[in-house]
Amino acid sequence: MLRCLKCKNNLLLLLGAVLIQACSSHHAPQLTLISSSKISYPSGSGVAYRDGKIYIIGDDSPWLYILDTALRVTDSVRLTPD
């Protein structure tokens, strides 16, 4: 039993060391903010960009909004019933 606990502890230490090393990688991409704009939306819990469209979803909104790259709403999809 004691030997099994030692193995588990060693495994946890090894896993912790791997995670720390992976998180401290110096190869993270550099991002630069080139512009910002305010939009009329309660929250933006999720934002995705694909094929020239920006998709915004929020915890407190029943809508998924689809915006163009100028941040104009071009379409919306109701996610919950009225």
N, C-alpha and C. Protein backbone atom coordinates (compact mmCIF):
# COMPACT_ATOMS: atom_id res chain seq x y z
N MET A 1 0.83 -1.20 0.00
CA MET A 1 0.00 0.00 0.00
C MET A 1 0.87 1.26 0.00
N LEU A 2 1.90 1.28 0.84
CA LEU A 2 2.78 2.44 0.94
C LEU A 2 3.51 2.66 -0.38
N ARG A 3 3.91 1.57 -1.02
CA ARG A 3 4.61 1.68 -2.30
C ARG A 3 3.70 2.29 -3.36
N CYS A 4 2.42 1.93 -3.34
CA CYS A 4 1.46 2.46 -4.29
C CYS A 4 1.27 3.97 -4.09
N LEU A 5 1.22 4.41 -2.83
CA LEU A 5 1.10 5.85 -2.54
C LEU A 5 2.32 6.61 -3.02
N LYS A 6 3.52 6.02 -2.86
CA LYS A 6 4.74 6.67 -3.34
C LYS A 6 4.69 6.83 -4.86
N CYS A 7 4.22 5.79 -5.54
CA CYS A 7 4.12 5.87 -7.00
C CYS A 7 3.15 6.98 -7.41
N LYS A 8 2.02 7.06 -6.74
CA LYS A 8 1.04 8.11 -7.05
C LYS A 8 1.61 9.48 -6.80
N ASN A 9 2.32 9.63 -5.66
CA ASN A 9 2.92 10.93 -5.34
C ASN A 9 3.97 11.32 -6.38
N ASN A 10 4.80 10.35 -6.78
CA ASN A 10 5.82 10.63 -7.79
C ASN A 10 5.18 10.99 -9.13
N LEU A 11 4.12 10.29 -9.47
CA LEU A 11 3.41 10.58 -10.70
C LEU A 11 2.81 11.98 -10.68
N LEU A 12 2.22 12.36 -9.55
CA LEU A 12 1.65 13.70 -9.41
C LEU A 12 2.73 14.77 -9.50
N LEU A 13 3.88 14.53 -8.88
CA LEU A 13 4.99 15.49 -8.97
C LEU A 13 5.49 15.63 -10.41
N LEU A 14 5.60 14.52 -11.10
CA LEU A 14 6.04 14.55 -12.50
C LEU A 14 5.03 15.30 -13.37
N LEU A 15 3.76 15.00 -13.18
CA LEU A 15 2.71 15.68 -13.93
C LEU A 15 2.73 17.18 -13.65
N GLY A 16 2.89 17.56 -12.38
CA GLY A 16 2.97 18.97 -12.01
C GLY A 16 4.15 19.66 -12.67
N ALA A 17 5.29 18.99 -12.70
CA ALA A 17 6.48 19.57 -13.33
C ALA A 17 6.27 19.77 -14.83
N VAL A 18 5.64 18.80 -15.47
CA VAL A 18 5.36 18.91 -16.91
C VAL A 18 4.42 20.07 -17.18
N LEU A 19 3.37 20.20 -16.37
CA LEU A 19 2.42 21.29 -16.56
C LEU A 19 3.06 22.65 -16.34
N ILE A 20 3.88 22.76 -15.32
CA ILE A 20 4.56 24.04 -15.05
C ILE A 20 5.48 24.40 -16.22
N GLN A 21 6.21 23.43 -16.72
CA GLN A 21 7.11 23.68 -17.85
C GLN A 21 6.32 24.08 -19.10
N ALA A 22 5.20 23.41 -19.34
CA ALA A 22 4.39 23.72 -20.52
C ALA A 22 3.79 25.11 -20.43
N CYS A 23 3.38 25.51 -19.24
CA CYS A 23 2.76 26.83 -19.06
C CYS A 23 3.77 27.96 -19.08
N SER A 24 5.03 27.65 -18.84
CA SER A 24 6.03 28.72 -18.79
C SER A 24 6.82 28.83 -20.09
N SER A 25 6.27 28.30 -21.15
CA SER A 25 6.94 28.35 -22.44
C SER A 25 7.12 29.81 -22.89
N HIS A 26 8.29 30.10 -23.43
CA HIS A 26 8.58 31.46 -23.90
C HIS A 26 8.25 31.64 -25.37
N HIS A 27 7.51 30.70 -25.93
CA HIS A 27 7.18 30.76 -27.35
C HIS A 27 5.75 31.24 -27.59
N ALA A 28 5.20 31.96 -26.65
CA ALA A 28 3.83 32.47 -26.81
C ALA A 28 3.82 33.55 -27.88
N PRO A 29 2.80 33.55 -28.73
CA PRO A 29 2.73 34.57 -29.78
C PRO A 29 2.50 35.96 -29.18
N GLN A 30 3.06 36.95 -29.83
CA GLN A 30 2.89 38.33 -29.41
C GLN A 30 1.69 38.93 -30.14
N LEU A 31 0.79 39.53 -29.40
CA LEU A 31 -0.39 40.16 -29.98
C LEU A 31 -0.32 41.66 -29.76
N THR A 32 -0.76 42.43 -30.73
CA THR A 32 -0.80 43.87 -30.63
C THR A 32 -2.20 44.35 -30.95
N LEU A 33 -2.79 45.12 -30.06
CA LEU A 33 -4.12 45.69 -30.29
C LEU A 33 -3.96 46.85 -31.27
N ILE A 34 -4.66 46.75 -32.39
CA ILE A 34 -4.53 47.81 -33.40
C ILE A 34 -5.71 48.77 -33.39
N SER A 35 -6.85 48.36 -32.82
CA SER A 35 -7.98 49.27 -32.67
C SER A 35 -8.97 48.66 -31.70
N SER A 36 -9.87 49.48 -31.21
CA SER A 36 -10.93 48.99 -30.32
C SER A 36 -12.19 49.80 -30.59
N SER A 37 -13.33 49.19 -30.33
CA SER A 37 -14.62 49.84 -30.54
C SER A 37 -15.59 49.34 -29.49
N LYS A 38 -16.56 50.18 -29.16
CA LYS A 38 -17.62 49.77 -28.26
C LYS A 38 -18.81 49.33 -29.08
N ILE A 39 -19.44 48.25 -28.64
CA ILE A 39 -20.66 47.80 -29.30
C ILE A 39 -21.75 47.68 -28.26
N SER A 40 -22.99 47.76 -28.69
CA SER A 40 -24.13 47.66 -27.79
C SER A 40 -24.50 46.20 -27.61
N TYR A 41 -23.93 45.57 -26.61
CA TYR A 41 -24.18 44.17 -26.34
C TYR A 41 -23.99 43.94 -24.85
N PRO A 42 -24.90 43.20 -24.21
CA PRO A 42 -24.83 43.06 -22.75
C PRO A 42 -23.53 42.44 -22.25
N SER A 43 -23.03 41.42 -22.94
CA SER A 43 -21.75 40.82 -22.55
C SER A 43 -21.23 40.01 -23.73
N GLY A 44 -19.98 39.75 -23.72
CA GLY A 44 -19.37 38.94 -24.78
C GLY A 44 -18.64 37.75 -24.17
N SER A 45 -19.37 36.79 -23.68
CA SER A 45 -18.76 35.63 -23.04
C SER A 45 -17.99 34.77 -24.03
N GLY A 46 -18.45 34.78 -25.27
CA GLY A 46 -17.76 34.01 -26.29
C GLY A 46 -17.68 34.82 -27.57
N VAL A 47 -16.50 34.84 -28.17
CA VAL A 47 -16.29 35.56 -29.43
C VAL A 47 -15.50 34.65 -30.35
N ALA A 48 -15.95 34.53 -31.58
CA ALA A 48 -15.24 33.72 -32.57
C ALA A 48 -15.20 34.46 -33.90
N TYR A 49 -14.17 34.22 -34.66
CA TYR A 49 -14.01 34.83 -35.99
C TYR A 49 -13.83 33.72 -37.00
N ARG A 50 -14.62 33.78 -38.08
CA ARG A 50 -14.49 32.78 -39.14
C ARG A 50 -15.03 33.35 -40.45
N ASP A 51 -14.25 33.20 -41.49
CA ASP A 51 -14.65 33.60 -42.84
C ASP A 51 -15.16 35.04 -42.90
N GLY A 52 -14.47 35.96 -42.24
CA GLY A 52 -14.84 37.37 -42.31
C GLY A 52 -16.01 37.77 -41.44
N LYS A 53 -16.48 36.87 -40.60
CA LYS A 53 -17.60 37.17 -39.70
C LYS A 53 -17.18 36.98 -38.25
N ILE A 54 -17.73 37.82 -37.39
CA ILE A 54 -17.47 37.73 -35.95
C ILE A 54 -18.76 37.26 -35.29
N TYR A 55 -18.65 36.23 -34.48
CA TYR A 55 -19.80 35.67 -33.77
C TYR A 55 -19.65 35.99 -32.28
N ILE A 56 -20.70 36.59 -31.69
CA ILE A 56 -20.66 36.97 -30.28
C ILE A 56 -21.85 36.34 -29.57
N ILE A 57 -21.56 35.72 -28.43
CA ILE A 57 -22.60 35.11 -27.60
C ILE A 57 -22.36 35.56 -26.17
N GLY A 58 -23.44 35.74 -25.41
CA GLY A 58 -23.32 36.17 -24.03
C GLY A 58 -24.18 35.34 -23.09
N ASP A 59 -23.78 35.31 -21.83
CA ASP A 59 -24.54 34.56 -20.81
C ASP A 59 -25.92 35.14 -20.58
N ASP A 60 -26.05 36.45 -20.71
CA ASP A 60 -27.31 37.10 -20.36
C ASP A 60 -28.10 37.56 -21.59
N SER A 61 -27.85 36.95 -22.74
CA SER A 61 -28.58 37.29 -23.95
C SER A 61 -29.05 36.01 -24.64
N PRO A 62 -30.29 35.99 -25.12
CA PRO A 62 -30.77 34.80 -25.83
C PRO A 62 -30.33 34.77 -27.30
N TRP A 63 -29.51 35.70 -27.71
CA TRP A 63 -29.13 35.85 -29.12
C TRP A 63 -27.66 35.54 -29.36
N LEU A 64 -27.39 34.97 -30.52
CA LEU A 64 -26.04 34.88 -31.07
C LEU A 64 -25.99 35.94 -32.16
N TYR A 65 -25.09 36.90 -32.03
CA TYR A 65 -24.99 37.97 -33.00
C TYR A 65 -23.86 37.68 -33.98
N ILE A 66 -24.11 38.01 -35.24
CA ILE A 66 -23.11 37.86 -36.30
C ILE A 66 -22.78 39.26 -36.80
N LEU A 67 -21.51 39.62 -36.71
CA LEU A 67 -21.07 40.95 -37.09
C LEU A 67 -20.08 40.88 -38.25
N ASP A 68 -19.99 41.99 -38.99
CA ASP A 68 -18.93 42.07 -39.99
C ASP A 68 -17.68 42.62 -39.31
N THR A 69 -16.62 42.78 -40.07
CA THR A 69 -15.36 43.22 -39.47
C THR A 69 -15.38 44.69 -39.06
N ALA A 70 -16.41 45.44 -39.49
CA ALA A 70 -16.60 46.82 -39.03
C ALA A 70 -17.48 46.86 -37.77
N LEU A 71 -17.76 45.68 -37.21
CA LEU A 71 -18.56 45.49 -35.99
C LEU A 71 -20.01 45.92 -36.15
N ARG A 72 -20.54 45.79 -37.35
CA ARG A 72 -21.96 46.03 -37.59
C ARG A 72 -22.68 44.69 -37.55
N VAL A 73 -23.80 44.63 -36.84
CA VAL A 73 -24.58 43.40 -36.77
C VAL A 73 -25.20 43.14 -38.13
N THR A 74 -24.87 42.00 -38.71
CA THR A 74 -25.42 41.63 -40.02
C THR A 74 -26.51 40.58 -39.91
N ASP A 75 -26.53 39.85 -38.81
CA ASP A 75 -27.53 38.81 -38.61
C ASP A 75 -27.54 38.43 -37.14
N SER A 76 -28.59 37.73 -36.73
CA SER A 76 -28.66 37.22 -35.36
C SER A 76 -29.48 35.94 -35.36
N VAL A 77 -29.20 35.11 -34.38
CA VAL A 77 -29.89 33.84 -34.25
C VAL A 77 -30.40 33.73 -32.82
N ARG A 78 -31.71 33.52 -32.67
CA ARG A 78 -32.28 33.36 -31.33
C ARG A 78 -31.94 31.95 -30.85
N LEU A 79 -31.33 31.84 -29.66
CA LEU A 79 -30.88 30.56 -29.14
C LEU A 79 -31.86 29.94 -28.15
N THR A 80 -32.70 30.78 -27.53
CA THR A 80 -33.67 30.27 -26.55
C THR A 80 -35.06 30.73 -26.96
N PRO A 81 -36.08 29.96 -26.57
CA PRO A 81 -37.44 30.38 -26.92
C PRO A 81 -37.88 31.62 -26.14
N ASP A 82 -38.91 32.28 -26.64
CA ASP A 82 -39.43 33.49 -25.98
C ASP A 82 -39.91 33.21 -24.58
